[in-house]
Amino acid sequence: MTFADELREYVAKTHLTTWGRRDGQQVPSTEDITLGNQAVNLDAVVLYADLKDSTGLVHGYKDWFAAEIYKNYLYVVSRIIRALGGVITAFDGDRVMAVYIGDSKNSSAAKTALKINWAVINILQPAIDAQYPNNVYKLEQKVGIASSKTMVARTGIRGSNDLVWVGNAANIAAKLAALNRGYPSYITQGVFNKLSEETKYGGEPPRQMWVDLGNSDGHGQIYGSTFWWGL
């Protein structure tokens, strides 16, 4: 069998094989799903946290400085995600993806975004300013959050594979994290509608923390927030 024939056989088999699915009670790891046509169904909230203008950071500053920014941002974000019950599913350069399930998944994800914003303002940026007082770099980032039914499958080849998250939540959350509307945190209407009172209202006197931004680029109605939540 030639190399091309081997690839043709694999592709045809994928199309011909019926998918086996099961409902997930926890976020799966790669070991939980086979490389065949097996998948886990989740009712999930997906969060993407992304550094703003990382291209400008890499082009405009020393590589070691950019590496420090990446390292500290991803570490702090990852710790906050896990503290709020999120499961980190992927890193992609300067951004991280996390999944939340369970009864409080929408509020937990929203609280994560607000806590990340607080950490940027009160931990990450002060550390940069203290170490490099003459540096003009200002760390900006965005978090996008969306919810949907999600199909989780394992893709790749033996020894080099990962999970793929098929559903609107992952796609929309990533796009929200790329928005440039002046807010560090964005959520869809589906997430907003299921927020707890404490994650919907804040400040003194209490007021709604999420601004209705209307429909955005085919993502449906979205909300943005400049609020933060202390650690």
C-alpha atoms as a PDB file:
ATOM      1  CA  MET A   1       0.000   0.000   0.000  1.00  0.00           C
ATOM      2  CA  THR A   2       1.379   3.389  -0.970  1.00  0.00           C
ATOM      3  CA  PHE A   3       1.467   6.318   1.435  1.00  0.00           C
ATOM      4  CA  ALA A   4      -1.322   8.035  -0.505  1.00  0.00           C
ATOM      5  CA  ASP A   5      -3.441   4.866  -0.412  1.00  0.00           C
ATOM      6  CA  GLU A   6      -2.954   4.627   3.353  1.00  0.00           C
ATOM      7  CA  LEU A   7      -4.234   8.188   3.768  1.00  0.00           C
ATOM      8  CA  ARG A   8      -7.193   7.523   1.473  1.00  0.00           C
ATOM      9  CA  GLU A   9      -8.113   4.447   3.510  1.00  0.00           C
ATOM     10  CA  TYR A  10      -8.012   6.368   6.796  1.00  0.00           C
ATOM     11  CA  VAL A  11     -10.121   9.246   5.455  1.00  0.00           C
ATOM     12  CA  ALA A  12     -12.735   6.910   3.969  1.00  0.00           C
ATOM     13  CA  LYS A  13     -12.951   4.927   7.221  1.00  0.00           C
ATOM     14  CA  THR A  14     -13.556   8.105   9.234  1.00  0.00           C
ATOM     15  CA  HIS A  15     -16.489   9.035   7.007  1.00  0.00           C
ATOM     16  CA  LEU A  16     -17.940   5.527   7.044  1.00  0.00           C
ATOM     17  CA  THR A  17     -17.675   4.839  10.778  1.00  0.00           C
ATOM     18  CA  THR A  18     -20.622   5.832  12.961  1.00  0.00           C
ATOM     19  CA  TRP A  19     -19.718   8.124  15.828  1.00  0.00           C
ATOM     20  CA  GLY A  20     -20.030   6.747  19.338  1.00  0.00           C
ATOM     21  CA  ARG A  21     -21.014   9.395  21.877  1.00  0.00           C
ATOM     22  CA  ARG A  22     -21.536   9.618  25.612  1.00  0.00           C
ATOM     23  CA  ASP A  23     -22.601  12.462  27.859  1.00  0.00           C
ATOM     24  CA  GLY A  24     -19.740  13.749  29.967  1.00  0.00           C
ATOM     25  CA  GLN A  25     -19.955  14.472  33.686  1.00  0.00           C
ATOM     26  CA  GLN A  26     -16.486  15.990  33.732  1.00  0.00           C
ATOM     27  CA  VAL A  27     -14.161  17.667  31.251  1.00  0.00           C
ATOM     28  CA  PRO A  28     -12.319  14.823  29.462  1.00  0.00           C
ATOM     29  CA  SER A  29      -8.574  14.497  28.990  1.00  0.00           C
ATOM     30  CA  THR A  30      -6.989  12.997  25.884  1.00  0.00           C
ATOM     31  CA  GLU A  31      -6.710   9.632  27.625  1.00  0.00           C
ATOM     32  CA  ASP A  32     -10.472   9.519  28.142  1.00  0.00           C
ATOM     33  CA  ILE A  33     -11.262   9.383  24.407  1.00  0.00           C
ATOM     34  CA  THR A  34      -9.893   7.007  21.768  1.00  0.00           C
ATOM     35  CA  LEU A  35      -8.521   8.085  18.385  1.00  0.00           C
ATOM     36  CA  GLY A  36     -11.450   6.372  16.668  1.00  0.00           C
ATOM     37  CA  ASN A  37     -14.834   7.948  16.038  1.00  0.00           C
ATOM     38  CA  GLN A  38     -15.585   8.385  19.734  1.00  0.00           C
ATOM     39  CA  ALA A  39     -16.733  11.628  21.351  1.00  0.00           C
ATOM     40  CA  VAL A  40     -17.992  13.115  24.604  1.00  0.00           C
ATOM     41  CA  ASN A  41     -20.946  15.518  24.702  1.00  0.00           C
ATOM     42  CA  LEU A  42     -20.700  18.417  27.154  1.00  0.00           C
ATOM     43  CA  ASP A  43     -22.977  21.269  28.139  1.00  0.00           C
ATOM     44  CA  ALA A  44     -20.047  23.641  28.466  1.00  0.00           C
ATOM     45  CA  VAL A  45     -18.956  27.212  28.997  1.00  0.00           C
ATOM     46  CA  VAL A  46     -15.713  28.049  27.219  1.00  0.00           C
ATOM     47  CA  LEU A  47     -13.342  30.834  28.255  1.00  0.00           C
ATOM     48  CA  TYR A  48     -10.517  32.273  26.173  1.00  0.00           C
ATOM     49  CA  ALA A  49      -7.998  34.653  27.757  1.00  0.00           C
ATOM     50  CA  ASP A  50      -5.718  36.441  25.319  1.00  0.00           C
ATOM     51  CA  LEU A  51      -2.979  39.063  25.524  1.00  0.00           C
ATOM     52  CA  LYS A  52      -3.768  42.105  23.401  1.00  0.00           C
ATOM     53  CA  ASP A  53      -1.354  42.964  20.585  1.00  0.00           C
ATOM     54  CA  SER A  54       1.157  40.235  21.305  1.00  0.00           C
ATOM     55  CA  THR A  55       2.568  40.842  17.819  1.00  0.00           C
ATOM     56  CA  GLY A  56       3.460  44.395  18.840  1.00  0.00           C
ATOM     57  CA  LEU A  57       5.008  43.076  22.049  1.00  0.00           C
ATOM     58  CA  VAL A  58       7.255  40.642  20.177  1.00  0.00           C
ATOM     59  CA  HIS A  59       8.228  43.151  17.487  1.00  0.00           C
ATOM     60  CA  GLY A  60       8.681  46.144  19.768  1.00  0.00           C
ATOM     61  CA  TYR A  61      10.512  44.664  22.759  1.00  0.00           C
ATOM     62  CA  LYS A  62      13.363  42.281  23.565  1.00  0.00           C
ATOM     63  CA  ASP A  63      12.507  38.608  23.247  1.00  0.00           C
ATOM     64  CA  TRP A  64      13.314  37.954  26.908  1.00  0.00           C
ATOM     65  CA  PHE A  65      10.955  40.742  27.987  1.00  0.00           C
ATOM     66  CA  ALA A  66       8.129  39.337  25.848  1.00  0.00           C
ATOM     67  CA  ALA A  67       8.818  35.884  27.303  1.00  0.00           C
ATOM     68  CA  GLU A  68       8.499  37.287  30.838  1.00  0.00           C
ATOM     69  CA  ILE A  69       5.155  38.901  29.984  1.00  0.00           C
ATOM     70  CA  TYR A  70       3.860  35.677  28.404  1.00  0.00           C
ATOM     71  CA  LYS A  71       5.048  33.533  31.289  1.00  0.00           C
ATOM     72  CA  ASN A  72       3.578  35.675  34.075  1.00  0.00           C
ATOM     73  CA  TYR A  73       0.287  36.322  32.287  1.00  0.00           C
ATOM     74  CA  LEU A  74      -0.349  32.664  31.474  1.00  0.00           C
ATOM     75  CA  TYR A  75       0.676  31.546  34.962  1.00  0.00           C
ATOM     76  CA  VAL A  76      -1.607  34.006  36.757  1.00  0.00           C
ATOM     77  CA  VAL A  77      -4.525  33.351  34.396  1.00  0.00           C
ATOM     78  CA  SER A  78      -4.116  29.580  34.730  1.00  0.00           C
ATOM     79  CA  ARG A  79      -4.080  29.734  38.522  1.00  0.00           C
ATOM     80  CA  ILE A  80      -7.236  31.855  38.593  1.00  0.00           C
ATOM     81  CA  ILE A  81      -9.009  29.532  36.147  1.00  0.00           C
ATOM     82  CA  ARG A  82      -8.281  26.495  38.292  1.00  0.00           C
ATOM     83  CA  ALA A  83      -9.234  28.307  41.501  1.00  0.00           C
ATOM     84  CA  LEU A  84     -12.689  28.942  40.013  1.00  0.00           C
ATOM     85  CA  GLY A  85     -13.247  25.357  38.865  1.00  0.00           C
ATOM     86  CA  GLY A  86     -12.245  25.740  35.233  1.00  0.00           C
ATOM     87  CA  VAL A  87     -10.284  23.057  33.389  1.00  0.00           C
ATOM     88  CA  ILE A  88      -7.476  24.279  31.140  1.00  0.00           C
ATOM     89  CA  THR A  89      -7.756  22.523  27.801  1.00  0.00           C
ATOM     90  CA  ALA A  90      -5.231  24.291  25.564  1.00  0.00           C
ATOM     91  CA  PHE A  91      -2.496  26.887  25.309  1.00  0.00           C
ATOM     92  CA  ASP A  92      -1.948  28.685  22.019  1.00  0.00           C
ATOM     93  CA  GLY A  93       0.964  31.100  22.173  1.00  0.00           C
ATOM     94  CA  ASP A  94      -0.222  33.950  24.382  1.00  0.00           C
ATOM     95  CA  ARG A  95      -3.711  32.660  25.082  1.00  0.00           C
ATOM     96  CA  VAL A  96      -5.325  29.937  27.115  1.00  0.00           C
ATOM     97  CA  MET A  97      -8.608  28.071  26.698  1.00  0.00           C
ATOM     98  CA  ALA A  98     -10.599  26.706  29.614  1.00  0.00           C
ATOM     99  CA  VAL A  99     -13.862  24.808  29.988  1.00  0.00           C
ATOM    100  CA  TYR A 100     -16.401  25.023  32.819  1.00  0.00           C
ATOM    101  CA  ILE A 101     -19.222  22.583  33.465  1.00  0.00           C
ATOM    102  CA  GLY A 102     -21.746  22.146  36.251  1.00  0.00           C
ATOM    103  CA  ASP A 103     -24.584  24.223  37.658  1.00  0.00           C
ATOM    104  CA  SER A 104     -22.529  27.388  38.274  1.00  0.00           C
ATOM    105  CA  LYS A 105     -20.408  27.251  35.128  1.00  0.00           C
ATOM    106  CA  ASN A 106     -21.582  30.586  33.695  1.00  0.00           C
ATOM    107  CA  SER A 107     -21.026  32.540  36.903  1.00  0.00           C
ATOM    108  CA  SER A 108     -17.705  30.833  37.592  1.00  0.00           C
ATOM    109  CA  ALA A 109     -16.395  31.716  34.138  1.00  0.00           C
ATOM    110  CA  ALA A 110     -17.594  35.328  34.443  1.00  0.00           C
ATOM    111  CA  LYS A 111     -16.000  35.648  37.880  1.00  0.00           C
ATOM    112  CA  THR A 112     -12.780  34.294  36.405  1.00  0.00           C
ATOM    113  CA  ALA A 113     -12.751  37.076  33.820  1.00  0.00           C
ATOM    114  CA  LEU A 114     -13.279  39.745  36.472  1.00  0.00           C
ATOM    115  CA  LYS A 115     -10.550  38.283  38.677  1.00  0.00           C
ATOM    116  CA  ILE A 116      -8.124  38.176  35.747  1.00  0.00           C
ATOM    117  CA  ASN A 117      -8.819  41.860  35.136  1.00  0.00           C
ATOM    118  CA  TRP A 118      -8.063  42.596  38.806  1.00  0.00           C
ATOM    119  CA  ALA A 119      -4.822  40.615  38.641  1.00  0.00           C
ATOM    120  CA  VAL A 120      -3.653  42.501  35.560  1.00  0.00           C
ATOM    121  CA  ILE A 121      -4.263  45.848  37.274  1.00  0.00           C
ATOM    122  CA  ASN A 122      -3.005  44.947  40.750  1.00  0.00           C
ATOM    123  CA  ILE A 123      -0.367  42.236  40.231  1.00  0.00           C
ATOM    124  CA  LEU A 124       0.995  41.980  36.698  1.00  0.00           C
ATOM    125  CA  GLN A 125       1.279  45.639  35.673  1.00  0.00           C
ATOM    126  CA  PRO A 126       2.716  46.782  39.046  1.00  0.00           C
ATOM    127  CA  ALA A 127       5.368  44.056  38.788  1.00  0.00           C
ATOM    128  CA  ILE A 128       6.375  45.301  35.318  1.00  0.00           C
ATOM    129  CA  ASP A 129       6.501  48.914  36.492  1.00  0.00           C
ATOM    130  CA  ALA A 130       8.562  48.023  39.566  1.00  0.00           C
ATOM    131  CA  GLN A 131      11.179  46.049  37.640  1.00  0.00           C
ATOM    132  CA  TYR A 132      11.303  48.355  34.606  1.00  0.00           C
ATOM    133  CA  PRO A 133      10.397  51.906  35.762  1.00  0.00           C
ATOM    134  CA  ASN A 134      11.383  53.469  32.431  1.00  0.00           C
ATOM    135  CA  ASN A 135       9.407  50.977  30.354  1.00  0.00           C
ATOM    136  CA  VAL A 136       6.216  52.261  28.726  1.00  0.00           C
ATOM    137  CA  TYR A 137       4.690  48.821  28.091  1.00  0.00           C
ATOM    138  CA  LYS A 138       1.132  48.442  29.396  1.00  0.00           C
ATOM    139  CA  LEU A 139      -0.280  44.967  29.616  1.00  0.00           C
ATOM    140  CA  GLU A 140      -3.730  44.714  28.079  1.00  0.00           C
ATOM    141  CA  GLN A 141      -5.746  41.558  27.655  1.00  0.00           C
ATOM    142  CA  LYS A 142      -9.210  40.312  26.854  1.00  0.00           C
ATOM    143  CA  VAL A 143     -11.359  37.416  27.946  1.00  0.00           C
ATOM    144  CA  GLY A 144     -14.184  35.971  25.868  1.00  0.00           C
ATOM    145  CA  ILE A 145     -16.820  33.615  27.280  1.00  0.00           C
ATOM    146  CA  ALA A 146     -19.566  31.653  25.489  1.00  0.00           C
ATOM    147  CA  SER A 147     -21.727  28.596  26.125  1.00  0.00           C
ATOM    148  CA  SER A 148     -23.099  25.790  23.962  1.00  0.00           C
ATOM    149  CA  LYS A 149     -23.447  22.065  23.549  1.00  0.00           C
ATOM    150  CA  THR A 150     -19.951  20.864  22.688  1.00  0.00           C
ATOM    151  CA  MET A 151     -18.706  17.676  21.065  1.00  0.00           C
ATOM    152  CA  VAL A 152     -15.218  16.677  22.210  1.00  0.00           C
ATOM    153  CA  ALA A 153     -13.216  14.329  19.976  1.00  0.00           C
ATOM    154  CA  ARG A 154      -9.592  13.211  19.838  1.00  0.00           C
ATOM    155  CA  THR A 155      -7.676  14.021  16.666  1.00  0.00           C
ATOM    156  CA  GLY A 156      -4.173  13.569  15.333  1.00  0.00           C
ATOM    157  CA  ILE A 157      -1.903  10.548  15.128  1.00  0.00           C
ATOM    158  CA  ARG A 158      -0.454   8.190  17.716  1.00  0.00           C
ATOM    159  CA  GLY A 159       2.171  10.030  19.725  1.00  0.00           C
ATOM    160  CA  SER A 160       0.951  13.436  18.578  1.00  0.00           C
ATOM    161  CA  ASN A 161      -2.715  14.141  19.209  1.00  0.00           C
ATOM    162  CA  ASP A 162      -5.078  16.342  21.162  1.00  0.00           C
ATOM    163  CA  LEU A 163      -8.746  17.049  21.755  1.00  0.00           C
ATOM    164  CA  VAL A 164     -10.833  19.134  19.384  1.00  0.00           C
ATOM    165  CA  TRP A 165     -13.792  21.078  20.787  1.00  0.00           C
ATOM    166  CA  VAL A 166     -16.595  21.211  18.239  1.00  0.00           C
ATOM    167  CA  GLY A 167     -19.346  23.682  19.062  1.00  0.00           C
ATOM    168  CA  ASN A 168     -20.251  27.351  18.962  1.00  0.00           C
ATOM    169  CA  ALA A 169     -18.843  28.089  22.426  1.00  0.00           C
ATOM    170  CA  ALA A 170     -15.184  27.548  21.570  1.00  0.00           C
ATOM    171  CA  ASN A 171     -15.438  29.411  18.286  1.00  0.00           C
ATOM    172  CA  ILE A 172     -17.338  32.403  19.679  1.00  0.00           C
ATOM    173  CA  ALA A 173     -15.280  32.688  22.881  1.00  0.00           C
ATOM    174  CA  ALA A 174     -12.086  32.876  20.822  1.00  0.00           C
ATOM    175  CA  LYS A 175     -13.582  35.592  18.614  1.00  0.00           C
ATOM    176  CA  LEU A 176     -14.821  37.580  21.607  1.00  0.00           C
ATOM    177  CA  ALA A 177     -11.310  37.514  23.074  1.00  0.00           C
ATOM    178  CA  ALA A 178     -10.139  39.162  19.837  1.00  0.00           C
ATOM    179  CA  LEU A 179     -12.679  42.009  19.952  1.00  0.00           C
ATOM    180  CA  ASN A 180     -11.430  45.558  20.317  1.00  0.00           C
ATOM    181  CA  ARG A 181     -14.431  47.334  21.828  1.00  0.00           C
ATOM    182  CA  GLY A 182     -12.679  48.821  24.858  1.00  0.00           C
ATOM    183  CA  TYR A 183     -13.573  46.123  27.403  1.00  0.00           C
ATOM    184  CA  PRO A 184     -11.327  43.473  28.963  1.00  0.00           C
ATOM    185  CA  SER A 185     -14.210  40.996  29.480  1.00  0.00           C
ATOM    186  CA  TYR A 186     -16.883  39.850  27.011  1.00  0.00           C
ATOM    187  CA  ILE A 187     -19.729  37.356  27.401  1.00  0.00           C
ATOM    188  CA  THR A 188     -22.593  36.191  25.213  1.00  0.00           C
ATOM    189  CA  GLN A 189     -26.242  36.735  26.049  1.00  0.00           C
ATOM    190  CA  GLY A 190     -26.585  33.036  26.875  1.00  0.00           C
ATOM    191  CA  VAL A 191     -23.943  33.385  29.583  1.00  0.00           C
ATOM    192  CA  PHE A 192     -25.336  36.708  30.817  1.00  0.00           C
ATOM    193  CA  ASN A 193     -28.833  35.280  31.231  1.00  0.00           C
ATOM    194  CA  LYS A 194     -27.546  32.616  33.627  1.00  0.00           C
ATOM    195  CA  LEU A 195     -25.283  34.765  35.812  1.00  0.00           C
ATOM    196  CA  SER A 196     -25.831  34.791  39.550  1.00  0.00           C
ATOM    197  CA  GLU A 197     -26.771  38.097  41.167  1.00  0.00           C
ATOM    198  CA  GLU A 198     -23.269  38.559  42.577  1.00  0.00           C
ATOM    199  CA  THR A 199     -21.647  38.145  39.166  1.00  0.00           C
ATOM    200  CA  LYS A 200     -24.202  40.388  37.449  1.00  0.00           C
ATOM    201  CA  TYR A 201     -24.219  43.315  39.894  1.00  0.00           C
ATOM    202  CA  GLY A 202     -21.334  44.984  41.720  1.00  0.00           C
ATOM    203  CA  GLY A 203     -19.933  48.222  43.061  1.00  0.00           C
ATOM    204  CA  GLU A 204     -21.282  50.663  45.632  1.00  0.00           C
ATOM    205  CA  PRO A 205     -24.128  51.214  45.174  1.00  0.00           C
ATOM    206  CA  PRO A 206     -24.631  47.921  43.293  1.00  0.00           C
ATOM    207  CA  ARG A 207     -25.109  48.311  39.541  1.00  0.00           C
ATOM    208  CA  GLN A 208     -25.013  46.012  36.563  1.00  0.00           C
ATOM    209  CA  MET A 209     -21.401  45.169  35.753  1.00  0.00           C
ATOM    210  CA  TRP A 210     -22.071  44.101  32.163  1.00  0.00           C
ATOM    211  CA  VAL A 211     -22.829  46.627  29.404  1.00  0.00           C
ATOM    212  CA  ASP A 212     -25.150  45.561  26.603  1.00  0.00           C
ATOM    213  CA  LEU A 213     -23.107  45.972  23.399  1.00  0.00           C
ATOM    214  CA  GLY A 214     -25.833  44.771  21.047  1.00  0.00           C
ATOM    215  CA  ASN A 215     -25.232  42.300  18.235  1.00  0.00           C
ATOM    216  CA  SER A 216     -21.616  41.884  17.182  1.00  0.00           C
ATOM    217  CA  ASP A 217     -20.320  40.395  13.947  1.00  0.00           C
ATOM    218  CA  GLY A 218     -22.675  37.456  13.900  1.00  0.00           C
ATOM    219  CA  HIS A 219     -21.956  36.467  17.515  1.00  0.00           C
ATOM    220  CA  GLY A 220     -25.412  37.501  18.686  1.00  0.00           C
ATOM    221  CA  GLN A 221     -25.977  39.875  21.576  1.00  0.00           C
ATOM    222  CA  ILE A 222     -22.873  40.351  23.697  1.00  0.00           C
ATOM    223  CA  TYR A 223     -21.957  42.170  26.909  1.00  0.00           C
ATOM    224  CA  GLY A 224     -18.710  43.806  28.019  1.00  0.00           C
ATOM    225  CA  SER A 225     -17.363  44.714  31.440  1.00  0.00           C
ATOM    226  CA  THR A 226     -14.567  46.849  32.848  1.00  0.00           C
ATOM    227  CA  PHE A 227     -15.242  45.667  36.404  1.00  0.00           C
ATOM    228  CA  TRP A 228     -12.830  43.587  38.440  1.00  0.00           C
ATOM    229  CA  TRP A 229     -13.107  41.137  41.322  1.00  0.00           C
ATOM    230  CA  GLY A 230     -10.367  41.018  43.939  1.00  0.00           C
ATOM    231  CA  LEU A 231      -8.473  37.837  44.702  1.00  0.00           C
END
